[in-house]
C-alpha atoms as a PDB file:
ATOM      1  CA  MET A   1     -26.307  16.084  -8.048  1.00  0.00           C
ATOM      2  CA  ASP A   2     -23.583  18.117  -9.800  1.00  0.00           C
ATOM      3  CA  ILE A   3     -19.808  17.856  -9.332  1.00  0.00           C
ATOM      4  CA  PHE A   4     -19.699  20.732  -6.829  1.00  0.00           C
ATOM      5  CA  GLU A   5     -22.275  19.047  -4.606  1.00  0.00           C
ATOM      6  CA  ILE A   6     -20.345  15.793  -4.812  1.00  0.00           C
ATOM      7  CA  LEU A   7     -17.033  17.382  -3.869  1.00  0.00           C
ATOM      8  CA  THR A   8     -18.533  19.237  -0.903  1.00  0.00           C
ATOM      9  CA  SER A   9     -20.327  16.257   0.606  1.00  0.00           C
ATOM     10  CA  ALA A  10     -18.974  14.466   3.668  1.00  0.00           C
ATOM     11  CA  ALA A  11     -20.011  11.096   2.224  1.00  0.00           C
ATOM     12  CA  PHE A  12     -17.750  11.629  -0.789  1.00  0.00           C
ATOM     13  CA  TRP A  13     -14.673  12.384   1.307  1.00  0.00           C
ATOM     14  CA  ALA A  14     -15.458   9.554   3.721  1.00  0.00           C
ATOM     15  CA  ALA A  15     -15.476   7.182   0.745  1.00  0.00           C
ATOM     16  CA  ALA A  16     -12.223   8.680  -0.543  1.00  0.00           C
ATOM     17  CA  ILE A  17     -10.523   8.087   2.810  1.00  0.00           C
ATOM     18  CA  ARG A  18     -11.734   4.469   2.837  1.00  0.00           C
ATOM     19  CA  ILE A  19     -10.459   3.879  -0.683  1.00  0.00           C
ATOM     20  CA  ALA A  20      -7.134   5.514   0.175  1.00  0.00           C
ATOM     21  CA  SER A  21      -6.485   3.441   3.307  1.00  0.00           C
ATOM     22  CA  PRO A  22      -5.095   0.263   1.675  1.00  0.00           C
ATOM     23  CA  LEU A  23      -3.068   2.447  -0.680  1.00  0.00           C
ATOM     24  CA  ILE A  24      -1.539   4.270   2.290  1.00  0.00           C
ATOM     25  CA  PHE A  25      -0.343   1.052   3.934  1.00  0.00           C
ATOM     26  CA  ALA A  26       1.156  -0.335   0.741  1.00  0.00           C
ATOM     27  CA  THR A  27       2.651   2.999  -0.347  1.00  0.00           C
ATOM     28  CA  MET A  28       4.416   3.408   2.997  1.00  0.00           C
ATOM     29  CA  GLY A  29       5.782  -0.108   2.633  1.00  0.00           C
ATOM     30  CA  GLU A  30       7.078   0.574  -0.866  1.00  0.00           C
ATOM     31  CA  LEU A  31       8.513   3.916   0.235  1.00  0.00           C
ATOM     32  CA  ILE A  32      10.514   2.236   3.015  1.00  0.00           C
ATOM     33  CA  CYS A  33      11.937  -0.275   0.527  1.00  0.00           C
ATOM     34  CA  GLU A  34      12.877   2.337  -2.043  1.00  0.00           C
ATOM     35  CA  ARG A  35      14.362   4.696   0.534  1.00  0.00           C
ATOM     36  CA  ALA A  36      16.775   1.876   1.369  1.00  0.00           C
ATOM     37  CA  GLY A  37      17.600   1.392  -2.317  1.00  0.00           C
ATOM     38  CA  VAL A  38      15.364  -1.555  -3.238  1.00  0.00           C
ATOM     39  CA  LEU A  39      12.525  -1.383  -5.764  1.00  0.00           C
ATOM     40  CA  ASN A  40       9.926  -3.915  -4.624  1.00  0.00           C
ATOM     41  CA  LEU A  41       7.814  -4.957  -7.600  1.00  0.00           C
ATOM     42  CA  GLY A  42       6.452  -7.818  -5.547  1.00  0.00           C
ATOM     43  CA  ILE A  43       3.942  -5.430  -4.002  1.00  0.00           C
ATOM     44  CA  GLU A  44       0.948  -6.567  -6.055  1.00  0.00           C
ATOM     45  CA  GLY A  45       1.355 -10.219  -5.147  1.00  0.00           C
ATOM     46  CA  ILE A  46       2.213  -9.420  -1.529  1.00  0.00           C
ATOM     47  CA  MET A  47      -1.029  -7.452  -1.207  1.00  0.00           C
ATOM     48  CA  VAL A  48      -2.985 -10.413  -2.606  1.00  0.00           C
ATOM     49  CA  ALA A  49      -1.277 -12.782  -0.166  1.00  0.00           C
ATOM     50  CA  GLY A  50      -1.916 -10.405   2.727  1.00  0.00           C
ATOM     51  CA  ALA A  51      -5.587 -10.062   1.815  1.00  0.00           C
ATOM     52  CA  PHE A  52      -6.029 -13.828   1.796  1.00  0.00           C
ATOM     53  CA  ALA A  53      -3.874 -14.581   4.858  1.00  0.00           C
ATOM     54  CA  GLY A  54      -5.641 -12.041   7.053  1.00  0.00           C
ATOM     55  CA  TRP A  55      -9.075 -13.176   5.949  1.00  0.00           C
ATOM     56  CA  ILE A  56      -8.460 -16.918   6.256  1.00  0.00           C
ATOM     57  CA  ALA A  57      -6.909 -16.418   9.712  1.00  0.00           C
ATOM     58  CA  VAL A  58     -10.008 -14.602  10.955  1.00  0.00           C
ATOM     59  CA  TRP A  59     -12.302 -17.137   9.300  1.00  0.00           C
ATOM     60  CA  ALA A  60     -10.349 -19.867  11.129  1.00  0.00           C
ATOM     61  CA  GLY A  61     -11.046 -18.223  14.473  1.00  0.00           C
ATOM     62  CA  LEU A  62      -8.453 -15.539  15.153  1.00  0.00           C
ATOM     63  CA  PRO A  63      -9.602 -12.043  16.191  1.00  0.00           C
ATOM     64  CA  LEU A  64      -9.442  -9.273  13.597  1.00  0.00           C
ATOM     65  CA  TRP A  65      -6.171  -7.848  14.891  1.00  0.00           C
ATOM     66  CA  GLY A  66      -4.813 -11.387  14.837  1.00  0.00           C
ATOM     67  CA  GLY A  67      -5.674 -11.485  11.143  1.00  0.00           C
ATOM     68  CA  VAL A  68      -3.785  -8.227  10.646  1.00  0.00           C
ATOM     69  CA  ALA A  69      -0.773  -9.742  12.408  1.00  0.00           C
ATOM     70  CA  VAL A  70      -0.923 -12.879  10.237  1.00  0.00           C
ATOM     71  CA  ALA A  71      -1.048 -10.701   7.116  1.00  0.00           C
ATOM     72  CA  PHE A  72       1.942  -8.696   8.323  1.00  0.00           C
ATOM     73  CA  VAL A  73       3.996 -11.833   8.972  1.00  0.00           C
ATOM     74  CA  THR A  74       2.988 -13.233   5.568  1.00  0.00           C
ATOM     75  CA  GLY A  75       4.211 -10.060   3.899  1.00  0.00           C
ATOM     76  CA  MET A  76       7.459 -10.238   5.852  1.00  0.00           C
ATOM     77  CA  ALA A  77       8.021 -13.797   4.612  1.00  0.00           C
ATOM     78  CA  PHE A  78       7.714 -12.721   0.982  1.00  0.00           C
ATOM     79  CA  GLY A  79       9.841  -9.667   1.774  1.00  0.00           C
ATOM     80  CA  LEU A  80      12.534 -11.965   3.147  1.00  0.00           C
ATOM     81  CA  LEU A  81      12.456 -13.974  -0.075  1.00  0.00           C
ATOM     82  CA  HIS A  82      12.645 -10.801  -2.166  1.00  0.00           C
ATOM     83  CA  GLY A  83      15.464  -9.426  -0.031  1.00  0.00           C
ATOM     84  CA  ILE A  84      17.602 -12.567  -0.196  1.00  0.00           C
ATOM     85  CA  PHE A  85      17.669 -12.579  -3.969  1.00  0.00           C
ATOM     86  CA  SER A  86      17.860  -8.816  -4.563  1.00  0.00           C
ATOM     87  CA  VAL A  87      20.209  -7.662  -1.779  1.00  0.00           C
ATOM     88  CA  PRO A  88      23.013 -10.114  -0.923  1.00  0.00           C
ATOM     89  CA  PHE A  89      22.759 -11.946  -4.264  1.00  0.00           C
ATOM     90  CA  GLY A  90      22.339  -8.697  -6.185  1.00  0.00           C
ATOM     91  CA  LEU A  91      19.930 -10.107  -8.773  1.00  0.00           C
ATOM     92  CA  SER A  92      17.761  -7.834 -10.906  1.00  0.00           C
ATOM     93  CA  GLN A  93      15.201  -6.190  -8.650  1.00  0.00           C
ATOM     94  CA  HIS A  94      12.763  -6.037 -11.549  1.00  0.00           C
ATOM     95  CA  VAL A  95      12.952  -9.777 -12.193  1.00  0.00           C
ATOM     96  CA  VAL A  96      12.872 -10.710  -8.500  1.00  0.00           C
ATOM     97  CA  GLY A  97       9.909  -8.433  -7.848  1.00  0.00           C
ATOM     98  CA  ILE A  98       7.856  -9.794 -10.733  1.00  0.00           C
ATOM     99  CA  GLY A  99       8.767 -13.307  -9.618  1.00  0.00           C
ATOM    100  CA  VAL A 100       7.560 -12.607  -6.079  1.00  0.00           C
ATOM    101  CA  THR A 101       4.302 -11.195  -7.418  1.00  0.00           C
ATOM    102  CA  LEU A 102       3.702 -14.292  -9.544  1.00  0.00           C
ATOM    103  CA  LEU A 103       4.676 -16.632  -6.702  1.00  0.00           C
ATOM    104  CA  ALA A 104       2.563 -14.869  -4.062  1.00  0.00           C
ATOM    105  CA  THR A 105      -0.484 -14.644  -6.325  1.00  0.00           C
ATOM    106  CA  SER A 106      -0.276 -18.240  -7.525  1.00  0.00           C
ATOM    107  CA  LEU A 107       0.403 -19.596  -4.042  1.00  0.00           C
ATOM    108  CA  THR A 108      -2.587 -17.677  -2.703  1.00  0.00           C
ATOM    109  CA  PHE A 109      -4.929 -19.062  -5.331  1.00  0.00           C
ATOM    110  CA  TYR A 110      -3.596 -22.595  -4.809  1.00  0.00           C
ATOM    111  CA  THR A 111      -4.000 -22.351  -1.014  1.00  0.00           C
ATOM    112  CA  TYR A 112      -7.535 -21.038  -1.432  1.00  0.00           C
ATOM    113  CA  ARG A 113      -8.486 -24.044  -3.551  1.00  0.00           C
ATOM    114  CA  VAL A 114      -6.856 -26.461  -1.109  1.00  0.00           C
ATOM    115  CA  VAL A 115      -8.469 -24.938   1.995  1.00  0.00           C
ATOM    116  CA  LEU A 116     -11.894 -24.368   0.410  1.00  0.00           C
ATOM    117  CA  PRO A 117     -12.167 -26.947  -2.383  1.00  0.00           C
ATOM    118  CA  GLU A 118     -15.942 -27.254  -2.423  1.00  0.00           C
ATOM    119  CA  VAL A 119     -16.870 -23.613  -1.839  1.00  0.00           C
ATOM    120  CA  SER A 120     -18.533 -21.831  -4.757  1.00  0.00           C
ATOM    121  CA  SER A 121     -18.561 -18.441  -3.021  1.00  0.00           C
ATOM    122  CA  PRO A 122     -16.108 -17.423  -0.261  1.00  0.00           C
ATOM    123  CA  PRO A 123     -17.472 -17.386   3.300  1.00  0.00           C
ATOM    124  CA  LYS A 124     -17.929 -14.071   5.059  1.00  0.00           C
ATOM    125  CA  ILE A 125     -16.397 -12.828   8.285  1.00  0.00           C
ATOM    126  CA  THR A 126     -17.310 -10.019  10.681  1.00  0.00           C
ATOM    127  CA  ALA A 127     -15.069  -7.175   9.523  1.00  0.00           C
ATOM    128  CA  PHE A 128     -13.871  -4.068  11.355  1.00  0.00           C
ATOM    129  CA  GLN A 129     -16.691  -1.604  11.970  1.00  0.00           C
ATOM    130  CA  PRO A 130     -16.437   2.214  11.908  1.00  0.00           C
ATOM    131  CA  VAL A 131     -15.498   3.783  15.233  1.00  0.00           C
ATOM    132  CA  GLU A 132     -16.787   7.308  15.777  1.00  0.00           C
ATOM    133  CA  ILE A 133     -14.408   9.591  17.655  1.00  0.00           C
ATOM    134  CA  PRO A 134     -16.434  11.821  20.018  1.00  0.00           C
ATOM    135  CA  LEU A 135     -16.452  15.585  19.319  1.00  0.00           C
ATOM    136  CA  LEU A 136     -14.068  15.332  16.342  1.00  0.00           C
ATOM    137  CA  SER A 137     -16.655  13.427  14.301  1.00  0.00           C
ATOM    138  CA  LYS A 138     -19.052  16.383  14.686  1.00  0.00           C
ATOM    139  CA  ILE A 139     -16.797  18.796  12.807  1.00  0.00           C
ATOM    140  CA  PRO A 140     -18.623  19.789   9.582  1.00  0.00           C
ATOM    141  CA  LEU A 141     -17.411  17.922   6.482  1.00  0.00           C
ATOM    142  CA  ILE A 142     -14.051  16.887   7.983  1.00  0.00           C
ATOM    143  CA  GLY A 143     -15.517  15.110  11.006  1.00  0.00           C
ATOM    144  CA  PRO A 144     -17.664  12.472   9.270  1.00  0.00           C
ATOM    145  CA  ALA A 145     -14.956  11.931   6.647  1.00  0.00           C
ATOM    146  CA  LEU A 146     -11.946  11.490   8.939  1.00  0.00           C
ATOM    147  CA  PHE A 147     -13.253  10.566  12.352  1.00  0.00           C
ATOM    148  CA  ASN A 148     -15.907   7.946  11.628  1.00  0.00           C
ATOM    149  CA  GLN A 149     -13.725   5.273  10.056  1.00  0.00           C
ATOM    150  CA  THR A 150     -12.595   1.750  10.917  1.00  0.00           C
ATOM    151  CA  PRO A 151      -9.594   1.208  13.229  1.00  0.00           C
ATOM    152  CA  LEU A 152      -7.403   0.146  10.295  1.00  0.00           C
ATOM    153  CA  THR A 153      -7.969   3.506   8.606  1.00  0.00           C
ATOM    154  CA  TYR A 154      -6.819   5.309  11.738  1.00  0.00           C
ATOM    155  CA  ALA A 155      -3.820   2.962  11.837  1.00  0.00           C
ATOM    156  CA  ALA A 156      -2.960   3.885   8.237  1.00  0.00           C
ATOM    157  CA  PHE A 157      -2.725   7.576   9.090  1.00  0.00           C
ATOM    158  CA  ILE A 158      -0.752   6.842  12.247  1.00  0.00           C
ATOM    159  CA  LEU A 159       1.650   4.774  10.143  1.00  0.00           C
ATOM    160  CA  VAL A 160       2.402   7.769   7.924  1.00  0.00           C
ATOM    161  CA  GLY A 161       3.408   9.783  10.974  1.00  0.00           C
ATOM    162  CA  LEU A 162       5.537   6.941  12.336  1.00  0.00           C
ATOM    163  CA  VAL A 163       7.334   6.418   9.031  1.00  0.00           C
ATOM    164  CA  ALA A 164       8.072  10.130   8.746  1.00  0.00           C
ATOM    165  CA  LEU A 165       9.255  10.245  12.363  1.00  0.00           C
ATOM    166  CA  VAL A 166      11.568   7.267  11.979  1.00  0.00           C
ATOM    167  CA  LEU A 167      12.986   8.318   8.617  1.00  0.00           C
ATOM    168  CA  TYR A 168      13.739  11.911   9.537  1.00  0.00           C
ATOM    169  CA  ARG A 169      14.154  11.953  13.314  1.00  0.00           C
ATOM    170  CA  THR A 170      16.009   8.766  14.255  1.00  0.00           C
ATOM    171  CA  PRO A 171      19.460   7.253  13.581  1.00  0.00           C
ATOM    172  CA  LEU A 172      17.730   4.218  12.081  1.00  0.00           C
ATOM    173  CA  GLY A 173      15.916   6.392   9.571  1.00  0.00           C
ATOM    174  CA  LEU A 174      19.147   8.162   8.684  1.00  0.00           C
ATOM    175  CA  ALA A 175      20.784   4.784   8.057  1.00  0.00           C
ATOM    176  CA  VAL A 176      17.890   3.666   5.850  1.00  0.00           C
ATOM    177  CA  ARG A 177      18.002   6.859   3.795  1.00  0.00           C
ATOM    178  CA  ALA A 178      21.788   6.670   3.522  1.00  0.00           C
ATOM    179  CA  ALA A 179      21.550   3.059   2.296  1.00  0.00           C
ATOM    180  CA  GLY A 180      19.462   4.337  -0.601  1.00  0.00           C
ATOM    181  CA  GLU A 181      21.637   7.369  -1.302  1.00  0.00           C
ATOM    182  CA  SER A 182      25.238   6.409  -0.514  1.00  0.00           C
ATOM    183  CA  PRO A 183      25.667   2.829   0.683  1.00  0.00           C
ATOM    184  CA  SER A 184      29.450   3.155   0.657  1.00  0.00           C
ATOM    185  CA  ALA A 185      29.165   5.894   3.283  1.00  0.00           C
ATOM    186  CA  VAL A 186      27.032   3.569   5.412  1.00  0.00           C
ATOM    187  CA  ALA A 187      29.637   0.812   5.140  1.00  0.00           C
ATOM    188  CA  ALA A 188      32.371   3.298   6.035  1.00  0.00           C
ATOM    189  CA  GLN A 189      30.560   3.907   9.336  1.00  0.00           C
ATOM    190  CA  GLY A 190      30.764   0.218  10.138  1.00  0.00           C
ATOM    191  CA  LEU A 191      27.108  -0.494   9.414  1.00  0.00           C
ATOM    192  CA  SER A 192      25.832  -3.353   7.287  1.00  0.00           C
ATOM    193  CA  VAL A 193      24.166  -2.137   4.124  1.00  0.00           C
ATOM    194  CA  THR A 194      22.847  -5.658   3.533  1.00  0.00           C
ATOM    195  CA  ALA A 195      21.174  -5.812   6.946  1.00  0.00           C
ATOM    196  CA  ILE A 196      19.618  -2.351   6.555  1.00  0.00           C
ATOM    197  CA  ARG A 197      18.243  -3.089   3.115  1.00  0.00           C
ATOM    198  CA  MET A 198      17.019  -6.540   4.113  1.00  0.00           C
ATOM    199  CA  GLY A 199      15.265  -5.101   7.153  1.00  0.00           C
ATOM    200  CA  ALA A 200      13.641  -2.359   5.081  1.00  0.00           C
ATOM    201  CA  VAL A 201      12.354  -4.824   2.484  1.00  0.00           C
ATOM    202  CA  ILE A 202      11.023  -7.225   5.120  1.00  0.00           C
ATOM    203  CA  VAL A 203       9.231  -4.548   7.161  1.00  0.00           C
ATOM    204  CA  GLY A 204       8.019  -2.687   4.075  1.00  0.00           C
ATOM    205  CA  SER A 205       6.575  -5.897   2.630  1.00  0.00           C
ATOM    206  CA  GLY A 206       4.738  -6.475   5.898  1.00  0.00           C
ATOM    207  CA  PHE A 207       2.974  -3.134   5.532  1.00  0.00           C
ATOM    208  CA  MET A 208       2.119  -3.949   1.910  1.00  0.00           C
ATOM    209  CA  ALA A 209       0.407  -7.137   3.080  1.00  0.00           C
ATOM    210  CA  VAL A 210      -1.562  -5.191   5.687  1.00  0.00           C
ATOM    211  CA  GLY A 211      -2.735  -2.958   2.844  1.00  0.00           C
ATOM    212  CA  GLY A 212      -4.117  -6.064   1.170  1.00  0.00           C
ATOM    213  CA  ALA A 213      -5.636  -7.269   4.440  1.00  0.00           C
ATOM    214  CA  PHE A 214      -7.501  -3.958   4.731  1.00  0.00           C
ATOM    215  CA  LEU A 215      -9.583  -5.030   1.740  1.00  0.00           C
ATOM    216  CA  THR A 216     -10.777  -8.261   3.358  1.00  0.00           C
ATOM    217  CA  LEU A 217     -10.901  -7.179   7.001  1.00  0.00           C
ATOM    218  CA  SER A 218     -12.184  -3.620   6.719  1.00  0.00           C
ATOM    219  CA  ALA A 219     -13.412  -2.632   3.257  1.00  0.00           C
ATOM    220  CA  PHE A 220     -15.160  -5.964   2.582  1.00  0.00           C
ATOM    221  CA  ASP A 221     -15.904  -9.059   4.629  1.00  0.00           C
ATOM    222  CA  SER A 222     -14.621 -11.746   2.294  1.00  0.00           C
ATOM    223  CA  PHE A 223     -11.856 -12.632  -0.157  1.00  0.00           C
ATOM    224  CA  PHE A 224     -12.303 -12.875  -3.885  1.00  0.00           C
ATOM    225  CA  PHE A 225      -9.887 -13.169  -6.758  1.00  0.00           C
ATOM    226  CA  ASP A 226      -8.629  -9.945  -8.360  1.00  0.00           C
ATOM    227  CA  MET A 227      -9.777  -7.816  -5.423  1.00  0.00           C
ATOM    228  CA  VAL A 228      -6.407  -6.035  -5.275  1.00  0.00           C
ATOM    229  CA  ASN A 229      -6.972  -5.101  -8.910  1.00  0.00           C
ATOM    230  CA  GLY A 230      -3.706  -3.277  -9.651  1.00  0.00           C
ATOM    231  CA  ARG A 231      -3.529  -1.268  -6.440  1.00  0.00           C
ATOM    232  CA  GLY A 232       0.041  -2.407  -5.905  1.00  0.00           C
ATOM    233  CA  TRP A 233       1.196  -0.842  -9.161  1.00  0.00           C
ATOM    234  CA  ILE A 234      -0.633   2.357  -8.253  1.00  0.00           C
ATOM    235  CA  CYS A 235       1.280   2.466  -4.963  1.00  0.00           C
ATOM    236  CA  ILE A 236       4.603   2.325  -6.802  1.00  0.00           C
ATOM    237  CA  ALA A 237       3.480   5.360  -8.790  1.00  0.00           C
ATOM    238  CA  LEU A 238       2.342   7.098  -5.592  1.00  0.00           C
ATOM    239  CA  VAL A 239       5.848   6.805  -4.145  1.00  0.00           C
ATOM    240  CA  VAL A 240       7.182   8.679  -7.174  1.00  0.00           C
ATOM    241  CA  PHE A 241       4.303  11.162  -6.983  1.00  0.00           C
ATOM    242  CA  GLY A 242       5.198  11.819  -3.343  1.00  0.00           C
ATOM    243  CA  VAL A 243       8.895  12.258  -4.265  1.00  0.00           C
ATOM    244  CA  TRP A 244       9.760   9.578  -1.700  1.00  0.00           C
ATOM    245  CA  LYS A 245       8.290  11.577   1.199  1.00  0.00           C
ATOM    246  CA  PRO A 246       5.564  10.089   3.430  1.00  0.00           C
ATOM    247  CA  GLY A 247       3.405  13.219   3.688  1.00  0.00           C
ATOM    248  CA  LYS A 248       3.289  13.861  -0.042  1.00  0.00           C
ATOM    249  CA  ALA A 249       2.705  10.181  -0.762  1.00  0.00           C
ATOM    250  CA  LEU A 250      -0.284  10.326   1.615  1.00  0.00           C
ATOM    251  CA  LEU A 251      -1.719  13.259  -0.327  1.00  0.00           C
ATOM    252  CA  GLY A 252      -1.202  11.326  -3.552  1.00  0.00           C
ATOM    253  CA  ALA A 253      -3.101   8.327  -2.180  1.00  0.00           C
ATOM    254  CA  ILE A 254      -6.013  10.535  -1.127  1.00  0.00           C
ATOM    255  CA  LEU A 255      -5.974  12.278  -4.515  1.00  0.00           C
ATOM    256  CA  PHE A 256      -6.184   8.988  -6.407  1.00  0.00           C
ATOM    257  CA  ALA A 257      -8.903   7.743  -4.063  1.00  0.00           C
ATOM    258  CA  ALA A 258     -10.860  10.958  -4.584  1.00  0.00           C
ATOM    259  CA  PHE A 259     -10.708  10.443  -8.345  1.00  0.00           C
ATOM    260  CA  ASP A 260     -11.923   6.871  -7.873  1.00  0.00           C
ATOM    261  CA  ALA A 261     -14.781   7.924  -5.588  1.00  0.00           C
ATOM    262  CA  LEU A 262     -15.689  10.684  -8.045  1.00  0.00           C
ATOM    263  CA  GLN A 263     -15.998   8.362 -11.031  1.00  0.00           C
ATOM    264  CA  ILE A 264     -18.349   6.099  -9.081  1.00  0.00           C
ATOM    265  CA  ARG A 265     -20.644   9.030  -8.314  1.00  0.00           C
ATOM    266  CA  LEU A 266     -20.460  10.513 -11.802  1.00  0.00           C
ATOM    267  CA  GLN A 267     -21.882   7.276 -13.169  1.00  0.00           C
ATOM    268  CA  GLN A 268     -25.011   7.974 -11.118  1.00  0.00           C
ATOM    269  CA  THR A 269     -25.537  11.483 -12.523  1.00  0.00           C
ATOM    270  CA  THR A 270     -27.146  12.595 -15.766  1.00  0.00           C
ATOM    271  CA  ILE A 271     -23.680  12.504 -17.340  1.00  0.00           C
ATOM    272  CA  GLY A 272     -23.495   8.800 -16.579  1.00  0.00           C
ATOM    273  CA  ALA A 273     -26.628   8.200 -18.599  1.00  0.00           C
ATOM    274  CA  VAL A 274     -24.956   9.269 -21.848  1.00  0.00           C
ATOM    275  CA  VAL A 275     -21.250   8.552 -21.280  1.00  0.00           C
ATOM    276  CA  PRO A 276     -20.012   4.915 -21.362  1.00  0.00           C
ATOM    277  CA  TYR A 277     -19.106   3.742 -17.864  1.00  0.00           C
ATOM    278  CA  GLN A 278     -15.695   2.555 -19.108  1.00  0.00           C
ATOM    279  CA  LEU A 279     -14.652   6.190 -19.472  1.00  0.00           C
ATOM    280  CA  PHE A 280     -15.460   6.795 -15.814  1.00  0.00           C
ATOM    281  CA  LEU A 281     -13.416   3.747 -14.805  1.00  0.00           C
ATOM    282  CA  MET A 282     -10.469   5.232 -16.703  1.00  0.00           C
ATOM    283  CA  LEU A 283     -10.800   8.631 -15.038  1.00  0.00           C
ATOM    284  CA  PRO A 284      -8.767   8.053 -11.825  1.00  0.00           C
ATOM    285  CA  TYR A 285      -5.941   6.407 -13.756  1.00  0.00           C
ATOM    286  CA  ILE A 286      -5.774   9.124 -16.412  1.00  0.00           C
ATOM    287  CA  LEU A 287      -5.776  11.912 -13.854  1.00  0.00           C
ATOM    288  CA  SER A 288      -3.227  10.069 -11.724  1.00  0.00           C
ATOM    289  CA  ILE A 289      -0.915   9.613 -14.719  1.00  0.00           C
ATOM    290  CA  LEU A 290      -1.113  13.336 -15.481  1.00  0.00           C
ATOM    291  CA  ALA A 291      -0.372  14.212 -11.857  1.00  0.00           C
ATOM    292  CA  LEU A 292       2.482  11.694 -11.811  1.00  0.00           C
ATOM    293  CA  VAL A 293       4.033  13.200 -14.946  1.00  0.00           C
ATOM    294  CA  LEU A 294       3.871  16.702 -13.480  1.00  0.00           C
ATOM    295  CA  MET A 295       5.333  15.670 -10.118  1.00  0.00           C
ATOM    296  CA  SER A 296       8.021  13.338 -11.457  1.00  0.00           C
ATOM    297  CA  ARG A 297       9.630  16.121 -13.481  1.00  0.00           C
ATOM    298  CA  ARG A 298      11.161  17.476 -10.282  1.00  0.00           C
ATOM    299  CA  ALA A 299      11.455  14.226  -8.334  1.00  0.00           C
ATOM    300  CA  GLU A 300      14.814  13.410  -6.766  1.00  0.00           C
ATOM    301  CA  VAL A 301      15.230   9.660  -7.030  1.00  0.00           C
ATOM    302  CA  PRO A 302      17.335   8.006  -4.287  1.00  0.00           C
ATOM    303  CA  ALA A 303      20.792   7.857  -5.873  1.00  0.00           C
ATOM    304  CA  ALA A 304      21.386   4.172  -5.112  1.00  0.00           C
ATOM    305  CA  LEU A 305      17.886   2.914  -5.920  1.00  0.00           C
ATOM    306  CA  MET A 306      18.182  -0.471  -7.716  1.00  0.00           C
ATOM    307  CA  VAL A 307      21.982  -0.319  -7.425  1.00  0.00           C
ATOM    308  CA  PRO A 308      23.411  -3.502  -5.833  1.00  0.00           C
ATOM    309  CA  PHE A 309      26.070  -2.946  -3.191  1.00  0.00           C
ATOM    310  CA  ASN A 310      29.116  -5.123  -2.690  1.00  0.00           C
ATOM    311  CA  LYS A 311      31.421  -4.119   0.130  1.00  0.00           C
ATOM    312  CA  GLY A 312      34.789  -2.997  -1.135  1.00  0.00           C
ATOM    313  CA  GLU A 313      33.505  -2.078  -4.621  1.00  0.00           C
ATOM    314  CA  ARG A 314      32.866   1.448  -5.832  1.00  0.00           C
END
């Protein structure tokens, strides 16, 4: 199978959409945070915590959507911690974010060992199954790729629309964007910049955790260490690639996922027989870095991103 056949197959694009789904959740969460002026580097650890929390909740007896809810609340808890230190206290968002990642990751591993001390391999759960949408799933190429996915994948795409709607069509979205552009103007209107930024970080962190939960509740049926594997850092780059706009960030997530799906299939071709597989593993990251460099040249960063705000100061 050559590259053209791969790129024109429904199975390839279906795999790309699956790979993109957790990235979409986490990227939307990071975008919400950054639009409000807060860089959330805790995303990697929050995704790990969300993956574990959702999985262990379902393993303990909750339904799958209950596991999603537990993951969301777990992410909100870490978002609250991040927000307290980075917003009202005004500490370095870089340091706080890295600290949250280390705390969330370490706490997850510790909890795993406490809950399952004698388990050599993690138990499995019954994960979300693909749901075929009648008629739409029969559309050539697009149908099998888009309309025969798990419910969480559909939720990821719906989330993009909701984030765009709220940010650009509601007073709340205007306040969030203003908090990341001109917080003094927000305060002049009698609104609390602290409350807006805290809310954005808490909600955004919840979506990051759901992105992690996608891995255990939809992509796989179990939890294992290092399953997030740097996806959180990729999502931070995708926000920049999408110039802080939900639609473009979605395209960036699908682009990265397509590169990832492509390298997997290239390893199975005649090229894969002569080229070291490590080069294929590097492919999505190299191409994503090139795309990021090209897009970031004209990116308009929120003016108050990473800038602490104290009422009464200029």
